[in-house]
């Protein structure tokens, strides 16, 4: 078997799970119920946020909050300060794709 298989969990509660961590990429799966958030932090690689369900509320570098609905891919540049939350009733589900793997990034 050449391919590798990864599975994602289903939940209605907050979930942060790492799906893949290899030499090329890190992929995380996130579920945020209404009024939950991820702690404010800096992007440790080039980050792609893929909104699968719901509506993502995100603040970058302290600017006004922006909203992104399912089907949207948001690119967050390396070392950008971000704050992700779910301010909506529906469950927010998204993937976080980091490329290259953060362990290969060097802060400038």
PDB file of N, CA and C in Angstrom:
ATOM      1  N   UNK A   1       0.848  -1.177   0.000  1.00  0.00           N
ATOM      2  CA  UNK A   1       0.000   0.000   0.000  1.00  0.00           C
ATOM      3  C   UNK A   1       0.892   1.237   0.000  1.00  0.00           C
ATOM      4  N   UNK A   2       0.759   2.066  -0.988  1.00  0.00           N
ATOM      5  CA  UNK A   2       1.570   3.270  -1.130  1.00  0.00           C
ATOM      6  C   UNK A   2       0.995   4.426  -0.324  1.00  0.00           C
ATOM      7  N   UNK A   3      -0.320   4.571  -0.372  1.00  0.00           N
ATOM      8  CA  UNK A   3      -0.956   5.720   0.273  1.00  0.00           C
ATOM      9  C   UNK A   3      -1.034   5.547   1.788  1.00  0.00           C
ATOM     10  N   UNK A   4      -1.169   6.693   2.475  1.00  0.00           N
ATOM     11  CA  UNK A   4      -1.405   6.704   3.919  1.00  0.00           C
ATOM     12  C   UNK A   4      -2.837   7.198   4.122  1.00  0.00           C
ATOM     13  N   UNK A   5      -3.509   6.655   5.088  1.00  0.00           N
ATOM     14  CA  UNK A   5      -4.894   7.014   5.363  1.00  0.00           C
ATOM     15  C   UNK A   5      -4.964   7.723   6.714  1.00  0.00           C
ATOM     16  N   UNK A   6      -5.697   8.836   6.762  1.00  0.00           N
ATOM     17  CA  UNK A   6      -5.895   9.593   7.996  1.00  0.00           C
ATOM     18  C   UNK A   6      -7.393   9.779   8.196  1.00  0.00           C
ATOM     19  N   UNK A   7      -7.848   9.700   9.427  1.00  0.00           N
ATOM     20  CA  UNK A   7      -9.265   9.867   9.732  1.00  0.00           C
ATOM     21  C   UNK A   7      -9.475  11.079  10.618  1.00  0.00           C
ATOM     22  N   UNK A   8     -10.618  11.739  10.439  1.00  0.00           N
ATOM     23  CA  UNK A   8     -10.974  12.875  11.285  1.00  0.00           C
ATOM     24  C   UNK A   8     -12.100  12.455  12.226  1.00  0.00           C
ATOM     25  N   UNK A   9     -12.101  13.051  13.399  1.00  0.00           N
ATOM     26  CA  UNK A   9     -13.121  12.756  14.393  1.00  0.00           C
ATOM     27  C   UNK A   9     -14.329  13.652  14.182  1.00  0.00           C
ATOM     28  N   UNK A  10     -15.467  13.196  14.682  1.00  0.00           N
ATOM     29  CA  UNK A  10     -16.674  14.010  14.694  1.00  0.00           C
ATOM     30  C   UNK A  10     -17.007  14.316  16.145  1.00  0.00           C
ATOM     31  N   UNK A  11     -17.483  15.528  16.387  1.00  0.00           N
ATOM     32  CA  UNK A  11     -17.804  15.943  17.744  1.00  0.00           C
ATOM     33  C   UNK A  11     -18.674  17.183  17.688  1.00  0.00           C
ATOM     34  N   UNK A  12     -19.361  17.473  18.752  1.00  0.00           N
ATOM     35  CA  UNK A  12     -20.105  18.721  18.880  1.00  0.00           C
ATOM     36  C   UNK A  12     -19.447  19.617  19.923  1.00  0.00           C
ATOM     37  N   UNK A  13     -18.343  19.141  20.495  1.00  0.00           N
ATOM     38  CA  UNK A  13     -17.606  19.928  21.473  1.00  0.00           C
ATOM     39  C   UNK A  13     -16.304  20.395  20.848  1.00  0.00           C
ATOM     40  N   UNK A  14     -15.603  21.280  21.531  1.00  0.00           N
ATOM     41  CA  UNK A  14     -14.342  21.806  21.028  1.00  0.00           C
ATOM     42  C   UNK A  14     -13.359  20.664  20.815  1.00  0.00           C
ATOM     43  N   UNK A  15     -12.727  20.685  19.650  1.00  0.00           N
ATOM     44  CA  UNK A  15     -11.788  19.636  19.294  1.00  0.00           C
ATOM     45  C   UNK A  15     -10.629  20.250  18.526  1.00  0.00           C
ATOM     46  N   UNK A  16      -9.418  19.906  18.929  1.00  0.00           N
ATOM     47  CA  UNK A  16      -8.210  20.296  18.209  1.00  0.00           C
ATOM     48  C   UNK A  16      -7.397  19.019  18.051  1.00  0.00           C
ATOM     49  N   UNK A  17      -7.309  18.519  16.819  1.00  0.00           N
ATOM     50  CA  UNK A  17      -6.563  17.279  16.612  1.00  0.00           C
ATOM     51  C   UNK A  17      -5.577  17.440  15.469  1.00  0.00           C
ATOM     52  N   UNK A  18      -4.406  16.894  15.682  1.00  0.00           N
ATOM     53  CA  UNK A  18      -3.390  16.909  14.634  1.00  0.00           C
ATOM     54  C   UNK A  18      -3.581  15.660  13.784  1.00  0.00           C
ATOM     55  N   UNK A  19      -3.789  15.863  12.490  1.00  0.00           N
ATOM     56  CA  UNK A  19      -3.986  14.749  11.578  1.00  0.00           C
ATOM     57  C   UNK A  19      -2.674  14.278  10.977  1.00  0.00           C
ATOM     58  N   UNK A  20      -1.852  15.235  10.552  1.00  0.00           N
ATOM     59  CA  UNK A  20      -0.603  14.902   9.860  1.00  0.00           C
ATOM     60  C   UNK A  20       0.509  15.810  10.376  1.00  0.00           C
ATOM     61  N   UNK A  21       1.663  15.214  10.629  1.00  0.00           N
ATOM     62  CA  UNK A  21       2.875  15.948  10.979  1.00  0.00           C
ATOM     63  C   UNK A  21       4.033  15.191  10.342  1.00  0.00           C
ATOM     64  N   UNK A  22       4.361  15.564   9.105  1.00  0.00           N
ATOM     65  CA  UNK A  22       5.474  14.900   8.439  1.00  0.00           C
ATOM     66  C   UNK A  22       6.475  15.931   7.943  1.00  0.00           C
ATOM     67  N   UNK A  23       7.423  15.518   7.134  1.00  0.00           N
ATOM     68  CA  UNK A  23       8.489  16.446   6.731  1.00  0.00           C
ATOM     69  C   UNK A  23       8.014  17.565   5.817  1.00  0.00           C
ATOM     70  N   UNK A  24       6.815  17.461   5.264  1.00  0.00           N
ATOM     71  CA  UNK A  24       6.341  18.462   4.315  1.00  0.00           C
ATOM     72  C   UNK A  24       5.294  19.421   4.880  1.00  0.00           C
ATOM     73  N   UNK A  25       4.422  18.925   5.737  1.00  0.00           N
ATOM     74  CA  UNK A  25       3.235  19.682   6.111  1.00  0.00           C
ATOM     75  C   UNK A  25       2.721  19.247   7.482  1.00  0.00           C
ATOM     76  N   UNK A  26       1.994  20.160   8.124  1.00  0.00           N
ATOM     77  CA  UNK A  26       1.209  19.840   9.315  1.00  0.00           C
ATOM     78  C   UNK A  26      -0.238  20.169   8.974  1.00  0.00           C
ATOM     79  N   UNK A  27      -1.140  19.233   9.263  1.00  0.00           N
ATOM     80  CA  UNK A  27      -2.570  19.472   9.047  1.00  0.00           C
ATOM     81  C   UNK A  27      -3.300  19.174  10.346  1.00  0.00           C
ATOM     82  N   UNK A  28      -4.024  20.184  10.828  1.00  0.00           N
ATOM     83  CA  UNK A  28      -4.825  20.057  12.039  1.00  0.00           C
ATOM     84  C   UNK A  28      -6.298  20.175  11.675  1.00  0.00           C
ATOM     85  N   UNK A  29      -7.132  19.494  12.441  1.00  0.00           N
ATOM     86  CA  UNK A  29      -8.589  19.541  12.283  1.00  0.00           C
ATOM     87  C   UNK A  29      -9.153  20.193  13.533  1.00  0.00           C
ATOM     88  N   UNK A  30     -10.013  21.203  13.358  1.00  0.00           N
ATOM     89  CA  UNK A  30     -10.552  21.957  14.489  1.00  0.00           C
ATOM     90  C   UNK A  30     -12.076  21.997  14.434  1.00  0.00           C
ATOM     91  N   UNK A  31     -12.692  21.878  15.600  1.00  0.00           N
ATOM     92  CA  UNK A  31     -14.127  22.070  15.773  1.00  0.00           C
ATOM     93  C   UNK A  31     -14.323  23.065  16.906  1.00  0.00           C
ATOM     94  N   UNK A  32     -15.027  24.153  16.618  1.00  0.00           N
ATOM     95  CA  UNK A  32     -15.302  25.162  17.642  1.00  0.00           C
ATOM     96  C   UNK A  32     -16.808  25.408  17.727  1.00  0.00           C
ATOM     97  N   UNK A  33     -17.437  25.034  18.845  1.00  0.00           N
ATOM     98  CA  UNK A  33     -18.841  25.380  19.055  1.00  0.00           C
ATOM     99  C   UNK A  33     -18.994  26.889  19.263  1.00  0.00           C
ATOM    100  N   UNK A  34     -20.207  27.344  19.296  1.00  0.00           N
ATOM    101  CA  UNK A  34     -20.506  28.768  19.499  1.00  0.00           C
ATOM    102  C   UNK A  34     -19.782  29.311  20.732  1.00  0.00           C
ATOM    103  N   UNK A  35     -19.227  30.523  20.593  1.00  0.00           N
ATOM    104  CA  UNK A  35     -18.567  31.258  21.676  1.00  0.00           C
ATOM    105  C   UNK A  35     -17.282  30.587  22.185  1.00  0.00           C
ATOM    106  N   UNK A  36     -16.635  29.775  21.351  1.00  0.00           N
ATOM    107  CA  UNK A  36     -15.331  29.237  21.723  1.00  0.00           C
ATOM    108  C   UNK A  36     -14.289  29.811  20.773  1.00  0.00           C
ATOM    109  N   UNK A  37     -13.025  29.654  21.129  1.00  0.00           N
ATOM    110  CA  UNK A  37     -11.949  30.282  20.363  1.00  0.00           C
ATOM    111  C   UNK A  37     -10.648  29.524  20.568  1.00  0.00           C
ATOM    112  N   UNK A  38      -9.671  29.864  19.749  1.00  0.00           N
ATOM    113  CA  UNK A  38      -8.301  29.409  19.937  1.00  0.00           C
ATOM    114  C   UNK A  38      -7.521  30.560  20.552  1.00  0.00           C
ATOM    115  N   UNK A  39      -6.595  30.307  21.435  1.00  0.00           N
ATOM    116  CA  UNK A  39      -5.816  31.403  22.016  1.00  0.00           C
ATOM    117  C   UNK A  39      -5.111  32.219  20.927  1.00  0.00           C
ATOM    118  N   UNK A  40      -5.006  33.510  21.152  1.00  0.00           N
ATOM    119  CA  UNK A  40      -4.293  34.371  20.212  1.00  0.00           C
ATOM    120  C   UNK A  40      -2.849  33.877  20.099  1.00  0.00           C
ATOM    121  N   UNK A  41      -2.349  33.814  18.870  1.00  0.00           N
ATOM    122  CA  UNK A  41      -0.999  33.311  18.641  1.00  0.00           C
ATOM    123  C   UNK A  41      -0.473  33.809  17.297  1.00  0.00           C
ATOM    124  N   UNK A  42       0.794  33.541  17.043  1.00  0.00           N
ATOM    125  CA  UNK A  42       1.428  33.925  15.783  1.00  0.00           C
ATOM    126  C   UNK A  42       1.534  32.702  14.873  1.00  0.00           C
ATOM    127  N   UNK A  43       1.282  32.892  13.595  1.00  0.00           N
ATOM    128  CA  UNK A  43       1.408  31.814  12.620  1.00  0.00           C
ATOM    129  C   UNK A  43       2.862  31.359  12.576  1.00  0.00           C
ATOM    130  N   UNK A  44       3.081  30.074  12.804  1.00  0.00           N
ATOM    131  CA  UNK A  44       4.451  29.563  12.855  1.00  0.00           C
ATOM    132  C   UNK A  44       4.892  28.934  11.527  1.00  0.00           C
ATOM    133  N   UNK A  45       4.121  29.189  10.476  1.00  0.00           N
ATOM    134  CA  UNK A  45       4.444  28.765   9.116  1.00  0.00           C
ATOM    135  C   UNK A  45       3.528  29.549   8.181  1.00  0.00           C
ATOM    136  N   UNK A  46       3.490  29.172   6.912  1.00  0.00           N
ATOM    137  CA  UNK A  46       2.489  29.718   5.997  1.00  0.00           C
ATOM    138  C   UNK A  46       1.239  28.891   6.257  1.00  0.00           C
ATOM    139  N   UNK A  47       0.154  29.543   6.665  1.00  0.00           N
ATOM    140  CA  UNK A  47      -1.035  28.847   7.143  1.00  0.00           C
ATOM    141  C   UNK A  47      -2.194  29.032   6.161  1.00  0.00           C
ATOM    142  N   UNK A  48      -2.896  27.927   5.915  1.00  0.00           N
ATOM    143  CA  UNK A  48      -4.105  27.939   5.085  1.00  0.00           C
ATOM    144  C   UNK A  48      -5.233  27.399   5.942  1.00  0.00           C
ATOM    145  N   UNK A  49      -6.260  28.212   6.145  1.00  0.00           N
ATOM    146  CA  UNK A  49      -7.418  27.828   6.938  1.00  0.00           C
ATOM    147  C   UNK A  49      -8.542  27.474   5.972  1.00  0.00           C
ATOM    148  N   UNK A  50      -8.986  26.230   6.003  1.00  0.00           N
ATOM    149  CA  UNK A  50     -10.024  25.752   5.098  1.00  0.00           C
ATOM    150  C   UNK A  50     -11.309  25.595   5.909  1.00  0.00           C
ATOM    151  N   UNK A  51     -12.273  26.482   5.682  1.00  0.00           N
ATOM    152  CA  UNK A  51     -13.531  26.457   6.428  1.00  0.00           C
ATOM    153  C   UNK A  51     -14.441  25.393   5.814  1.00  0.00           C
ATOM    154  N   UNK A  52     -14.731  24.339   6.589  1.00  0.00           N
ATOM    155  CA  UNK A  52     -15.556  23.230   6.116  1.00  0.00           C
ATOM    156  C   UNK A  52     -17.024  23.407   6.456  1.00  0.00           C
ATOM    157  N   UNK A  53     -17.305  23.933   7.662  1.00  0.00           N
ATOM    158  CA  UNK A  53     -18.683  24.156   8.118  1.00  0.00           C
ATOM    159  C   UNK A  53     -18.718  25.404   8.976  1.00  0.00           C
ATOM    160  N   UNK A  54     -19.829  26.120   8.926  1.00  0.00           N
ATOM    161  CA  UNK A  54     -20.020  27.269   9.790  1.00  0.00           C
ATOM    162  C   UNK A  54     -19.384  28.537   9.262  1.00  0.00           C
ATOM    163  N   UNK A  55     -19.088  29.433  10.189  1.00  0.00           N
ATOM    164  CA  UNK A  55     -18.531  30.743   9.848  1.00  0.00           C
ATOM    165  C   UNK A  55     -17.392  31.075  10.814  1.00  0.00           C
ATOM    166  N   UNK A  56     -16.208  31.303  10.273  1.00  0.00           N
ATOM    167  CA  UNK A  56     -15.024  31.622  11.073  1.00  0.00           C
ATOM    168  C   UNK A  56     -14.940  33.126  11.288  1.00  0.00           C
ATOM    169  N   UNK A  57     -14.710  33.526  12.524  1.00  0.00           N
ATOM    170  CA  UNK A  57     -14.441  34.920  12.870  1.00  0.00           C
ATOM    171  C   UNK A  57     -12.952  34.998  13.168  1.00  0.00           C
ATOM    172  N   UNK A  58     -12.235  35.840  12.434  1.00  0.00           N
ATOM    173  CA  UNK A  58     -10.786  35.898  12.623  1.00  0.00           C
ATOM    174  C   UNK A  58     -10.305  37.341  12.655  1.00  0.00           C
ATOM    175  N   UNK A  59      -9.424  37.608  13.597  1.00  0.00           N
ATOM    176  CA  UNK A  59      -8.775  38.908  13.725  1.00  0.00           C
ATOM    177  C   UNK A  59      -7.296  38.706  13.456  1.00  0.00           C
ATOM    178  N   UNK A  60      -6.748  39.466  12.506  1.00  0.00           N
ATOM    179  CA  UNK A  60      -5.334  39.371  12.153  1.00  0.00           C
ATOM    180  C   UNK A  60      -4.634  40.671  12.500  1.00  0.00           C
ATOM    181  N   UNK A  61      -3.529  40.560  13.227  1.00  0.00           N
ATOM    182  CA  UNK A  61      -2.716  41.724  13.593  1.00  0.00           C
ATOM    183  C   UNK A  61      -3.539  42.830  14.268  1.00  0.00           C
ATOM    184  N   UNK A  62      -4.559  42.450  15.045  1.00  0.00           N
ATOM    185  CA  UNK A  62      -5.351  43.423  15.793  1.00  0.00           C
ATOM    186  C   UNK A  62      -6.328  44.235  14.954  1.00  0.00           C
ATOM    187  N   UNK A  63      -6.477  43.904  13.673  1.00  0.00           N
ATOM    188  CA  UNK A  63      -7.422  44.623  12.814  1.00  0.00           C
ATOM    189  C   UNK A  63      -8.845  44.212  13.163  1.00  0.00           C
ATOM    190  N   UNK A  64      -9.809  44.790  12.474  1.00  0.00           N
ATOM    191  CA  UNK A  64     -11.207  44.422  12.670  1.00  0.00           C
ATOM    192  C   UNK A  64     -11.420  42.954  12.339  1.00  0.00           C
ATOM    193  N   UNK A  65     -12.416  42.354  12.988  1.00  0.00           N
ATOM    194  CA  UNK A  65     -12.727  40.952  12.744  1.00  0.00           C
ATOM    195  C   UNK A  65     -13.298  40.784  11.332  1.00  0.00           C
ATOM    196  N   UNK A  66     -12.917  39.697  10.685  1.00  0.00           N
ATOM    197  CA  UNK A  66     -13.467  39.316   9.386  1.00  0.00           C
ATOM    198  C   UNK A  66     -14.153  37.974   9.539  1.00  0.00           C
ATOM    199  N   UNK A  67     -15.153  37.722   8.696  1.00  0.00           N
ATOM    200  CA  UNK A  67     -15.951  36.504   8.760  1.00  0.00           C
ATOM    201  C   UNK A  67     -15.796  35.732   7.458  1.00  0.00           C
ATOM    202  N   UNK A  68     -15.583  34.422   7.583  1.00  0.00           N
ATOM    203  CA  UNK A  68     -15.403  33.571   6.409  1.00  0.00           C
ATOM    204  C   UNK A  68     -16.296  32.342   6.541  1.00  0.00           C
ATOM    205  N   UNK A  69     -17.077  32.079   5.505  1.00  0.00           N
ATOM    206  CA  UNK A  69     -18.039  30.983   5.521  1.00  0.00           C
ATOM    207  C   UNK A  69     -17.450  29.729   4.900  1.00  0.00           C
ATOM    208  N   UNK A  70     -18.188  28.626   5.058  1.00  0.00           N
ATOM    209  CA  UNK A  70     -17.731  27.346   4.522  1.00  0.00           C
ATOM    210  C   UNK A  70     -17.439  27.446   3.035  1.00  0.00           C
ATOM    211  N   UNK A  71     -16.401  26.747   2.633  1.00  0.00           N
ATOM    212  CA  UNK A  71     -15.958  26.795   1.249  1.00  0.00           C
ATOM    213  C   UNK A  71     -14.858  27.816   1.011  1.00  0.00           C
ATOM    214  N   UNK A  72     -14.505  28.571   2.054  1.00  0.00           N
ATOM    215  CA  UNK A  72     -13.473  29.607   1.942  1.00  0.00           C
ATOM    216  C   UNK A  72     -12.132  29.060   2.422  1.00  0.00           C
ATOM    217  N   UNK A  73     -11.071  29.451   1.719  1.00  0.00           N
ATOM    218  CA  UNK A  73      -9.708  29.152   2.164  1.00  0.00           C
ATOM    219  C   UNK A  73      -9.020  30.485   2.444  1.00  0.00           C
ATOM    220  N   UNK A  74      -8.537  30.656   3.662  1.00  0.00           N
ATOM    221  CA  UNK A  74      -7.890  31.894   4.088  1.00  0.00           C
ATOM    222  C   UNK A  74      -6.395  31.630   4.249  1.00  0.00           C
ATOM    223  N   UNK A  75      -5.573  32.408   3.549  1.00  0.00           N
ATOM    224  CA  UNK A  75      -4.119  32.287   3.672  1.00  0.00           C
ATOM    225  C   UNK A  75      -3.629  33.314   4.685  1.00  0.00           C
ATOM    226  N   UNK A  76      -2.945  32.839   5.730  1.00  0.00           N
ATOM    227  CA  UNK A  76      -2.383  33.711   6.763  1.00  0.00           C
ATOM    228  C   UNK A  76      -0.862  33.634   6.645  1.00  0.00           C
ATOM    229  N   UNK A  77      -0.198  34.759   6.360  1.00  0.00           N
ATOM    230  CA  UNK A  77       1.265  34.746   6.194  1.00  0.00           C
ATOM    231  C   UNK A  77       2.003  34.367   7.480  1.00  0.00           C
ATOM    232  N   UNK A  78       3.182  33.831   7.302  1.00  0.00           N
ATOM    233  CA  UNK A  78       4.071  33.469   8.408  1.00  0.00           C
ATOM    234  C   UNK A  78       4.235  34.636   9.376  1.00  0.00           C
ATOM    235  N   UNK A  79       4.204  34.344  10.658  1.00  0.00           N
ATOM    236  CA  UNK A  79       4.463  35.285  11.744  1.00  0.00           C
ATOM    237  C   UNK A  79       3.363  36.326  11.937  1.00  0.00           C
ATOM    238  N   UNK A  80       2.173  36.090  11.377  1.00  0.00           N
ATOM    239  CA  UNK A  80       1.028  36.990  11.558  1.00  0.00           C
ATOM    240  C   UNK A  80       0.311  36.645  12.854  1.00  0.00           C
ATOM    241  N   UNK A  81      -0.015  37.657  13.639  1.00  0.00           N
ATOM    242  CA  UNK A  81      -0.764  37.460  14.882  1.00  0.00           C
ATOM    243  C   UNK A  81      -2.223  37.194  14.519  1.00  0.00           C
ATOM    244  N   UNK A  82      -2.809  36.108  15.071  1.00  0.00           N
ATOM    245  CA  UNK A  82      -4.189  35.775  14.729  1.00  0.00           C
ATOM    246  C   UNK A  82      -4.976  35.306  15.942  1.00  0.00           C
ATOM    247  N   UNK A  83      -6.285  35.564  15.832  1.00  0.00           N
ATOM    248  CA  UNK A  83      -7.229  35.164  16.868  1.00  0.00           C
ATOM    249  C   UNK A  83      -8.463  34.622  16.157  1.00  0.00           C
ATOM    250  N   UNK A  84      -8.716  33.326  16.320  1.00  0.00           N
ATOM    251  CA  UNK A  84      -9.817  32.653  15.640  1.00  0.00           C
ATOM    252  C   UNK A  84     -10.891  32.319  16.655  1.00  0.00           C
ATOM    253  N   UNK A  85     -12.147  32.645  16.291  1.00  0.00           N
ATOM    254  CA  UNK A  85     -13.269  32.354  17.181  1.00  0.00           C
ATOM    255  C   UNK A  85     -14.509  31.974  16.379  1.00  0.00           C
ATOM    256  N   UNK A  86     -15.460  31.379  17.089  1.00  0.00           N
ATOM    257  CA  UNK A  86     -16.769  31.109  16.511  1.00  0.00           C
ATOM    258  C   UNK A  86     -17.790  31.960  17.243  1.00  0.00           C
ATOM    259  N   UNK A  87     -18.247  33.003  16.599  1.00  0.00           N
ATOM    260  CA  UNK A  87     -19.234  33.917  17.181  1.00  0.00           C
ATOM    261  C   UNK A  87     -20.650  33.577  16.726  1.00  0.00           C
ATOM    262  N   UNK A  88     -20.815  32.437  16.057  1.00  0.00           N
ATOM    263  CA  UNK A  88     -22.103  32.076  15.472  1.00  0.00           C
ATOM    264  C   UNK A  88     -22.664  30.814  16.116  1.00  0.00           C
ATOM    265  N   UNK A  89     -23.952  30.608  15.928  1.00  0.00           N
ATOM    266  CA  UNK A  89     -24.653  29.489  16.547  1.00  0.00           C
ATOM    267  C   UNK A  89     -24.180  28.134  16.014  1.00  0.00           C
ATOM    268  N   UNK A  90     -23.939  28.044  14.707  1.00  0.00           N
ATOM    269  CA  UNK A  90     -23.539  26.773  14.096  1.00  0.00           C
ATOM    270  C   UNK A  90     -22.109  26.393  14.465  1.00  0.00           C
ATOM    271  N   UNK A  91     -21.858  25.103  14.521  1.00  0.00           N
ATOM    272  CA  UNK A  91     -20.521  24.578  14.770  1.00  0.00           C
ATOM    273  C   UNK A  91     -19.575  25.035  13.668  1.00  0.00           C
ATOM    274  N   UNK A  92     -18.382  25.479  14.038  1.00  0.00           N
ATOM    275  CA  UNK A  92     -17.338  25.847  13.081  1.00  0.00           C
ATOM    276  C   UNK A  92     -16.375  24.670  12.965  1.00  0.00           C
ATOM    277  N   UNK A  93     -16.191  24.188  11.738  1.00  0.00           N
ATOM    278  CA  UNK A  93     -15.237  23.115  11.477  1.00  0.00           C
ATOM    279  C   UNK A  93     -14.279  23.589  10.400  1.00  0.00           C
ATOM    280  N   UNK A  94     -12.975  23.420  10.644  1.00  0.00           N
ATOM    281  CA  UNK A  94     -11.996  23.850   9.665  1.00  0.00           C
ATOM    282  C   UNK A  94     -10.708  23.046   9.775  1.00  0.00           C
ATOM    283  N   UNK A  95      -9.938  23.094   8.698  1.00  0.00           N
ATOM    284  CA  UNK A  95      -8.610  22.492   8.664  1.00  0.00           C
ATOM    285  C   UNK A  95      -7.583  23.613   8.716  1.00  0.00           C
ATOM    286  N   UNK A  96      -6.479  23.348   9.386  1.00  0.00           N
ATOM    287  CA  UNK A  96      -5.335  24.258   9.418  1.00  0.00           C
ATOM    288  C   UNK A  96      -4.192  23.527   8.717  1.00  0.00           C
ATOM    289  N   UNK A  97      -3.764  24.074   7.588  1.00  0.00           N
ATOM    290  CA  UNK A  97      -2.676  23.475   6.827  1.00  0.00           C
ATOM    291  C   UNK A  97      -1.464  24.385   6.944  1.00  0.00           C
ATOM    292  N   UNK A  98      -0.366  23.827   7.427  1.00  0.00           N
ATOM    293  CA  UNK A  98       0.867  24.593   7.611  1.00  0.00           C
ATOM    294  C   UNK A  98       1.946  24.013   6.700  1.00  0.00           C
ATOM    295  N   UNK A  99       2.427  24.863   5.795  1.00  0.00           N
ATOM    296  CA  UNK A  99       3.449  24.398   4.851  1.00  0.00           C
ATOM    297  C   UNK A  99       4.473  25.503   4.641  1.00  0.00           C
ATOM    298  N   UNK A 100       5.748  25.198   4.796  1.00  0.00           N
ATOM    299  CA  UNK A 100       6.272  23.899   5.199  1.00  0.00           C
ATOM    300  C   UNK A 100       5.994  23.627   6.675  1.00  0.00           C
ATOM    301  N   UNK A 101       6.384  22.445   7.100  1.00  0.00           N
ATOM    302  CA  UNK A 101       6.235  22.091   8.504  1.00  0.00           C
ATOM    303  C   UNK A 101       6.896  23.183   9.352  1.00  0.00           C
ATOM    304  N   UNK A 102       6.217  23.653  10.427  1.00  0.00           N
ATOM    305  CA  UNK A 102       6.779  24.732  11.250  1.00  0.00           C
ATOM    306  C   UNK A 102       8.183  24.469  11.790  1.00  0.00           C
ATOM    307  N   UNK A 103       8.547  23.228  11.997  1.00  0.00           N
ATOM    308  CA  UNK A 103       9.899  22.946  12.526  1.00  0.00           C
ATOM    309  C   UNK A 103      10.981  23.321  11.503  1.00  0.00           C
ATOM    310  N   UNK A 104      10.575  23.533  10.218  1.00  0.00           N
ATOM    311  CA  UNK A 104      11.526  23.945   9.194  1.00  0.00           C
ATOM    312  C   UNK A 104      11.544  25.453   8.971  1.00  0.00           C
ATOM    313  N   UNK A 105      10.701  26.185   9.703  1.00  0.00           N
ATOM    314  CA  UNK A 105      10.643  27.649   9.555  1.00  0.00           C
ATOM    315  C   UNK A 105      11.642  28.298  10.492  1.00  0.00           C
ATOM    316  N   UNK A 106      12.201  29.405  10.050  1.00  0.00           N
ATOM    317  CA  UNK A 106      13.142  30.186  10.851  1.00  0.00           C
ATOM    318  C   UNK A 106      12.557  31.571  10.993  1.00  0.00           C
ATOM    319  N   UNK A 107      12.385  32.029  12.237  1.00  0.00           N
ATOM    320  CA  UNK A 107      11.870  33.394  12.449  1.00  0.00           C
ATOM    321  C   UNK A 107      12.882  34.395  11.981  1.00  0.00           C
ATOM    322  N   UNK A 108      12.375  35.427  11.306  1.00  0.00           N
ATOM    323  CA  UNK A 108      13.228  36.499  10.802  1.00  0.00           C
ATOM    324  C   UNK A 108      13.431  37.555  11.846  1.00  0.00           C
TER     325      UNK A 108
END
